[in-house]
PDB file of N, CA and C in Angstrom:
ATOM      1  N   MET A   1       0.819  -1.186   0.000  1.00  0.00           N
ATOM      2  CA  MET A   1       0.000   0.000   0.000  1.00  0.00           C
ATOM      3  C   MET A   1       0.871   1.261   0.000  1.00  0.00           C
ATOM      4  N   SER A   2       2.036   1.181   0.611  1.00  0.00           N
ATOM      5  CA  SER A   2       2.908   2.348   0.662  1.00  0.00           C
ATOM      6  C   SER A   2       3.458   2.691  -0.725  1.00  0.00           C
ATOM      7  N   LYS A   3       3.585   1.683  -1.596  1.00  0.00           N
ATOM      8  CA  LYS A   3       4.057   1.933  -2.956  1.00  0.00           C
ATOM      9  C   LYS A   3       3.038   2.772  -3.730  1.00  0.00           C
ATOM     10  N   VAL A   4       1.773   2.502  -3.517  1.00  0.00           N
ATOM     11  CA  VAL A   4       0.717   3.262  -4.193  1.00  0.00           C
ATOM     12  C   VAL A   4       0.736   4.708  -3.699  1.00  0.00           C
ATOM     13  N   LYS A   5       0.870   4.893  -2.408  1.00  0.00           N
ATOM     14  CA  LYS A   5       0.914   6.238  -1.834  1.00  0.00           C
ATOM     15  C   LYS A   5       2.128   6.998  -2.357  1.00  0.00           C
ATOM     16  N   THR A   6       3.260   6.333  -2.411  1.00  0.00           N
ATOM     17  CA  THR A   6       4.478   6.958  -2.932  1.00  0.00           C
ATOM     18  C   THR A   6       4.306   7.334  -4.400  1.00  0.00           C
ATOM     19  N   TYR A   7       3.687   6.467  -5.157  1.00  0.00           N
ATOM     20  CA  TYR A   7       3.447   6.736  -6.580  1.00  0.00           C
ATOM     21  C   TYR A   7       2.629   8.018  -6.750  1.00  0.00           C
ATOM     22  N   PHE A   8       1.539   8.143  -6.005  1.00  0.00           N
ATOM     23  CA  PHE A   8       0.687   9.321  -6.123  1.00  0.00           C
ATOM     24  C   PHE A   8       1.405  10.588  -5.632  1.00  0.00           C
ATOM     25  N   GLN A   9       2.187  10.473  -4.590  1.00  0.00           N
ATOM     26  CA  GLN A   9       2.938  11.628  -4.103  1.00  0.00           C
ATOM     27  C   GLN A   9       3.959  12.094  -5.142  1.00  0.00           C
ATOM     28  N   GLU A  10       4.686  11.157  -5.728  1.00  0.00           N
ATOM     29  CA  GLU A  10       5.684  11.512  -6.732  1.00  0.00           C
ATOM     30  C   GLU A  10       5.020  12.047  -8.000  1.00  0.00           C
ATOM     31  N   SER A  11       3.890  11.479  -8.379  1.00  0.00           N
ATOM     32  CA  SER A  11       3.160  11.970  -9.552  1.00  0.00           C
ATOM     33  C   SER A  11       2.697  13.401  -9.341  1.00  0.00           C
ATOM     34  N   TYR A  12       2.160  13.688  -8.167  1.00  0.00           N
ATOM     35  CA  TYR A  12       1.713  15.040  -7.845  1.00  0.00           C
ATOM     36  C   TYR A  12       2.897  16.007  -7.858  1.00  0.00           C
ATOM     37  N   GLU A  13       3.985  15.608  -7.262  1.00  0.00           N
ATOM     38  CA  GLU A  13       5.183  16.448  -7.207  1.00  0.00           C
ATOM     39  C   GLU A  13       5.670  16.792  -8.619  1.00  0.00           C
ATOM     40  N   GLU A  14       5.707  15.812  -9.482  1.00  0.00           N
ATOM     41  CA  GLU A  14       6.158  16.047 -10.857  1.00  0.00           C
ATOM     42  C   GLU A  14       5.175  16.947 -11.609  1.00  0.00           C
ATOM     43  N   LEU A  15       3.899  16.717 -11.409  1.00  0.00           N
ATOM     44  CA  LEU A  15       2.882  17.508 -12.094  1.00  0.00           C
ATOM     45  C   LEU A  15       2.915  18.966 -11.667  1.00  0.00           C
ATOM     46  N   VAL A  16       3.159  19.219 -10.406  1.00  0.00           N
ATOM     47  CA  VAL A  16       3.141  20.584  -9.883  1.00  0.00           C
ATOM     48  C   VAL A  16       4.466  21.312 -10.150  1.00  0.00           C
ATOM     49  N   ASN A  17       5.589  20.650  -9.935  1.00  0.00           N
ATOM     50  CA  ASN A  17       6.875  21.339  -9.962  1.00  0.00           C
ATOM     51  C   ASN A  17       7.701  21.149 -11.228  1.00  0.00           C
ATOM     52  N   LYS A  18       7.517  20.069 -11.949  1.00  0.00           N
ATOM     53  CA  LYS A  18       8.403  19.775 -13.075  1.00  0.00           C
ATOM     54  C   LYS A  18       7.739  19.902 -14.440  1.00  0.00           C
ATOM     55  N   THR A  19       6.439  20.092 -14.478  1.00  0.00           N
ATOM     56  CA  THR A  19       5.724  20.186 -15.743  1.00  0.00           C
ATOM     57  C   THR A  19       5.605  21.639 -16.162  1.00  0.00           C
ATOM     58  N   SER A  20       5.882  21.909 -17.437  1.00  0.00           N
ATOM     59  CA  SER A  20       5.698  23.274 -17.935  1.00  0.00           C
ATOM     60  C   SER A  20       4.338  23.354 -18.622  1.00  0.00           C
ATOM     61  N   TRP A  21       3.532  24.293 -18.191  1.00  0.00           N
ATOM     62  CA  TRP A  21       2.187  24.453 -18.718  1.00  0.00           C
ATOM     63  C   TRP A  21       2.173  25.604 -19.708  1.00  0.00           C
ATOM     64  N   PRO A  22       1.369  25.489 -20.772  1.00  0.00           N
ATOM     65  CA  PRO A  22       1.308  26.591 -21.741  1.00  0.00           C
ATOM     66  C   PRO A  22       0.583  27.798 -21.150  1.00  0.00           C
ATOM     67  N   THR A  23       0.929  28.963 -21.693  1.00  0.00           N
ATOM     68  CA  THR A  23       0.223  30.168 -21.263  1.00  0.00           C
ATOM     69  C   THR A  23      -1.164  30.174 -21.908  1.00  0.00           C
ATOM     70  N   TRP A  24      -2.021  31.073 -21.436  1.00  0.00           N
ATOM     71  CA  TRP A  24      -3.394  31.137 -21.956  1.00  0.00           C
ATOM     72  C   TRP A  24      -3.386  31.474 -23.448  1.00  0.00           C
ATOM     73  N   SER A  25      -2.512  32.389 -23.872  1.00  0.00           N
ATOM     74  CA  SER A  25      -2.472  32.759 -25.289  1.00  0.00           C
ATOM     75  C   SER A  25      -1.955  31.611 -26.155  1.00  0.00           C
ATOM     76  N   GLU A  26      -0.963  30.871 -25.664  1.00  0.00           N
ATOM     77  CA  GLU A  26      -0.475  29.699 -26.403  1.00  0.00           C
ATOM     78  C   GLU A  26      -1.578  28.655 -26.536  1.00  0.00           C
ATOM     79  N   LEU A  27      -2.328  28.469 -25.472  1.00  0.00           N
ATOM     80  CA  LEU A  27      -3.412  27.497 -25.477  1.00  0.00           C
ATOM     81  C   LEU A  27      -4.483  27.891 -26.484  1.00  0.00           C
ATOM     82  N   GLN A  28      -4.814  29.174 -26.536  1.00  0.00           N
ATOM     83  CA  GLN A  28      -5.812  29.641 -27.498  1.00  0.00           C
ATOM     84  C   GLN A  28      -5.330  29.476 -28.928  1.00  0.00           C
ATOM     85  N   LYS A  29      -4.085  29.814 -29.190  1.00  0.00           N
ATOM     86  CA  LYS A  29      -3.537  29.700 -30.545  1.00  0.00           C
ATOM     87  C   LYS A  29      -3.533  28.245 -31.020  1.00  0.00           C
ATOM     88  N   THR A  30      -3.091  27.350 -30.179  1.00  0.00           N
ATOM     89  CA  THR A  30      -3.052  25.952 -30.587  1.00  0.00           C
ATOM     90  C   THR A  30      -4.455  25.363 -30.717  1.00  0.00           C
ATOM     91  N   SER A  31      -5.387  25.827 -29.901  1.00  0.00           N
ATOM     92  CA  SER A  31      -6.771  25.353 -30.016  1.00  0.00           C
ATOM     93  C   SER A  31      -7.387  25.796 -31.340  1.00  0.00           C
ATOM     94  N   VAL A  32      -7.127  27.029 -31.738  1.00  0.00           N
ATOM     95  CA  VAL A  32      -7.623  27.522 -33.028  1.00  0.00           C
ATOM     96  C   VAL A  32      -6.983  26.726 -34.159  1.00  0.00           C
ATOM     97  N   LEU A  33      -5.708  26.465 -34.063  1.00  0.00           N
ATOM     98  CA  LEU A  33      -5.012  25.684 -35.087  1.00  0.00           C
ATOM     99  C   LEU A  33      -5.618  24.294 -35.229  1.00  0.00           C
ATOM    100  N   VAL A  34      -5.891  23.642 -34.123  1.00  0.00           N
ATOM    101  CA  VAL A  34      -6.491  22.310 -34.150  1.00  0.00           C
ATOM    102  C   VAL A  34      -7.892  22.361 -34.748  1.00  0.00           C
ATOM    103  N   ALA A  35      -8.662  23.377 -34.399  1.00  0.00           N
ATOM    104  CA  ALA A  35     -10.023  23.504 -34.931  1.00  0.00           C
ATOM    105  C   ALA A  35      -9.999  23.726 -36.445  1.00  0.00           C
ATOM    106  N   VAL A  36      -9.121  24.597 -36.926  1.00  0.00           N
ATOM    107  CA  VAL A  36      -9.018  24.860 -38.365  1.00  0.00           C
ATOM    108  C   VAL A  36      -8.555  23.609 -39.109  1.00  0.00           C
ATOM    109  N   ALA A  37      -7.562  22.936 -38.583  1.00  0.00           N
ATOM    110  CA  ALA A  37      -7.076  21.712 -39.222  1.00  0.00           C
ATOM    111  C   ALA A  37      -8.168  20.648 -39.259  1.00  0.00           C
ATOM    112  N   SER A  38      -8.958  20.542 -38.211  1.00  0.00           N
ATOM    113  CA  SER A  38     -10.045  19.562 -38.167  1.00  0.00           C
ATOM    114  C   SER A  38     -11.095  19.859 -39.230  1.00  0.00           C
ATOM    115  N   VAL A  39     -11.426  21.139 -39.403  1.00  0.00           N
ATOM    116  CA  VAL A  39     -12.409  21.517 -40.427  1.00  0.00           C
ATOM    117  C   VAL A  39     -11.869  21.212 -41.823  1.00  0.00           C
ATOM    118  N   ILE A  40     -10.606  21.544 -42.065  1.00  0.00           N
ATOM    119  CA  ILE A  40     -10.010  21.277 -43.381  1.00  0.00           C
ATOM    120  C   ILE A  40      -9.997  19.783 -43.671  1.00  0.00           C
ATOM    121  N   ILE A  41      -9.596  18.979 -42.719  1.00  0.00           N
ATOM    122  CA  ILE A  41      -9.562  17.527 -42.915  1.00  0.00           C
ATOM    123  C   ILE A  41     -10.961  16.987 -43.145  1.00  0.00           C
ATOM    124  N   ALA A  42     -11.953  17.504 -42.413  1.00  0.00           N
ATOM    125  CA  ALA A  42     -13.342  17.064 -42.599  1.00  0.00           C
ATOM    126  C   ALA A  42     -13.832  17.412 -44.000  1.00  0.00           C
ATOM    127  N   LEU A  43     -13.481  18.595 -44.490  1.00  0.00           N
ATOM    128  CA  LEU A  43     -13.892  18.988 -45.841  1.00  0.00           C
ATOM    129  C   LEU A  43     -13.232  18.117 -46.912  1.00  0.00           C
ATOM    130  N   VAL A  44     -11.965  17.786 -46.721  1.00  0.00           N
ATOM    131  CA  VAL A  44     -11.269  16.909 -47.673  1.00  0.00           C
ATOM    132  C   VAL A  44     -11.920  15.530 -47.689  1.00  0.00           C
ATOM    133  N   ILE A  45     -12.220  14.994 -46.539  1.00  0.00           N
ATOM    134  CA  ILE A  45     -12.859  13.673 -46.469  1.00  0.00           C
ATOM    135  C   ILE A  45     -14.253  13.717 -47.091  1.00  0.00           C
ATOM    136  N   ALA A  46     -15.011  14.797 -46.850  1.00  0.00           N
ATOM    137  CA  ALA A  46     -16.344  14.931 -47.443  1.00  0.00           C
ATOM    138  C   ALA A  46     -16.246  14.998 -48.960  1.00  0.00           C
ATOM    139  N   ALA A  47     -15.274  15.738 -49.485  1.00  0.00           N
ATOM    140  CA  ALA A  47     -15.086  15.833 -50.935  1.00  0.00           C
ATOM    141  C   ALA A  47     -14.714  14.479 -51.529  1.00  0.00           C
ATOM    142  N   MET A  48     -13.834  13.753 -50.848  1.00  0.00           N
ATOM    143  CA  MET A  48     -13.459  12.414 -51.321  1.00  0.00           C
ATOM    144  C   MET A  48     -14.671  11.489 -51.317  1.00  0.00           C
ATOM    145  N   ASP A  49     -15.492  11.567 -50.290  1.00  0.00           N
ATOM    146  CA  ASP A  49     -16.684  10.731 -50.186  1.00  0.00           C
ATOM    147  C   ASP A  49     -17.651  11.032 -51.330  1.00  0.00           C
ATOM    148  N   LYS A  50     -17.883  12.319 -51.597  1.00  0.00           N
ATOM    149  CA  LYS A  50     -18.773  12.707 -52.691  1.00  0.00           C
ATOM    150  C   LYS A  50     -18.222  12.228 -54.028  1.00  0.00           C
ATOM    151  N   GLY A  51     -16.921  12.395 -54.229  1.00  0.00           N
ATOM    152  CA  GLY A  51     -16.294  11.969 -55.486  1.00  0.00           C
ATOM    153  C   GLY A  51     -16.400  10.471 -55.694  1.00  0.00           C
ATOM    154  N   ILE A  52     -16.086   9.708 -54.692  1.00  0.00           N
ATOM    155  CA  ILE A  52     -16.159   8.249 -54.800  1.00  0.00           C
ATOM    156  C   ILE A  52     -17.599   7.804 -55.011  1.00  0.00           C
ATOM    157  N   SER A  53     -18.535   8.446 -54.328  1.00  0.00           N
ATOM    158  CA  SER A  53     -19.955   8.100 -54.507  1.00  0.00           C
ATOM    159  C   SER A  53     -20.392   8.367 -55.940  1.00  0.00           C
ATOM    160  N   ALA A  54     -19.955   9.492 -56.511  1.00  0.00           N
ATOM    161  CA  ALA A  54     -20.319   9.812 -57.893  1.00  0.00           C
ATOM    162  C   ALA A  54     -19.734   8.790 -58.865  1.00  0.00           C
ATOM    163  N   VAL A  55     -18.503   8.425 -58.664  1.00  0.00           N
ATOM    164  CA  VAL A  55     -17.859   7.443 -59.544  1.00  0.00           C
ATOM    165  C   VAL A  55     -18.557   6.087 -59.430  1.00  0.00           C
ATOM    166  N   LEU A  56     -18.836   5.644 -58.220  1.00  0.00           N
ATOM    167  CA  LEU A  56     -19.488   4.355 -58.039  1.00  0.00           C
ATOM    168  C   LEU A  56     -20.910   4.375 -58.599  1.00  0.00           C
ATOM    169  N   SER A  57     -21.623   5.467 -58.451  1.00  0.00           N
ATOM    170  CA  SER A  57     -22.976   5.568 -59.018  1.00  0.00           C
ATOM    171  C   SER A  57     -22.927   5.442 -60.533  1.00  0.00           C
ATOM    172  N   THR A  58     -21.935   6.078 -61.147  1.00  0.00           N
ATOM    173  CA  THR A  58     -21.785   5.986 -62.607  1.00  0.00           C
ATOM    174  C   THR A  58     -21.489   4.545 -63.021  1.00  0.00           C
ATOM    175  N   ILE A  59     -20.638   3.897 -62.289  1.00  0.00           N
ATOM    176  CA  ILE A  59     -20.291   2.504 -62.617  1.00  0.00           C
ATOM    177  C   ILE A  59     -21.498   1.598 -62.429  1.00  0.00           C
ATOM    178  N   TYR A  60     -22.236   1.771 -61.354  1.00  0.00           N
ATOM    179  CA  TYR A  60     -23.403   0.925 -61.089  1.00  0.00           C
ATOM    180  C   TYR A  60     -24.493   1.146 -62.119  1.00  0.00           C
ATOM    181  N   GLU A  61     -24.671   2.378 -62.566  1.00  0.00           N
ATOM    182  CA  GLU A  61     -25.694   2.657 -63.571  1.00  0.00           C
ATOM    183  C   GLU A  61     -25.318   2.079 -64.938  1.00  0.00           C
ATOM    184  N   ALA A  62     -24.015   1.936 -65.173  1.00  0.00           N
ATOM    185  CA  ALA A  62     -23.559   1.383 -66.455  1.00  0.00           C
ATOM    186  C   ALA A  62     -23.899  -0.115 -66.549  1.00  0.00           C
ATOM    187  N   PHE A  63     -24.009  -0.767 -65.449  1.00  0.00           N
ATOM    188  CA  PHE A  63     -24.301  -2.200 -65.475  1.00  0.00           C
ATOM    189  C   PHE A  63     -25.690  -2.395 -64.985  1.00  0.00           C
TER     190      PHE A  63
END
């Protein structure tokens, strides 16, 4: 049981004293970047889906 207690104490110590946290402005900038990248990737996937659907519909109608 003492090993578990030691683990949590050391984890807390590292989290509080040894971890570098981003500033609020850095956090906002990276959040915007992630949101924009997610939208772009979603649009690319949607375009690919529409394109493949159109091609497959043409092939299915041919037969």
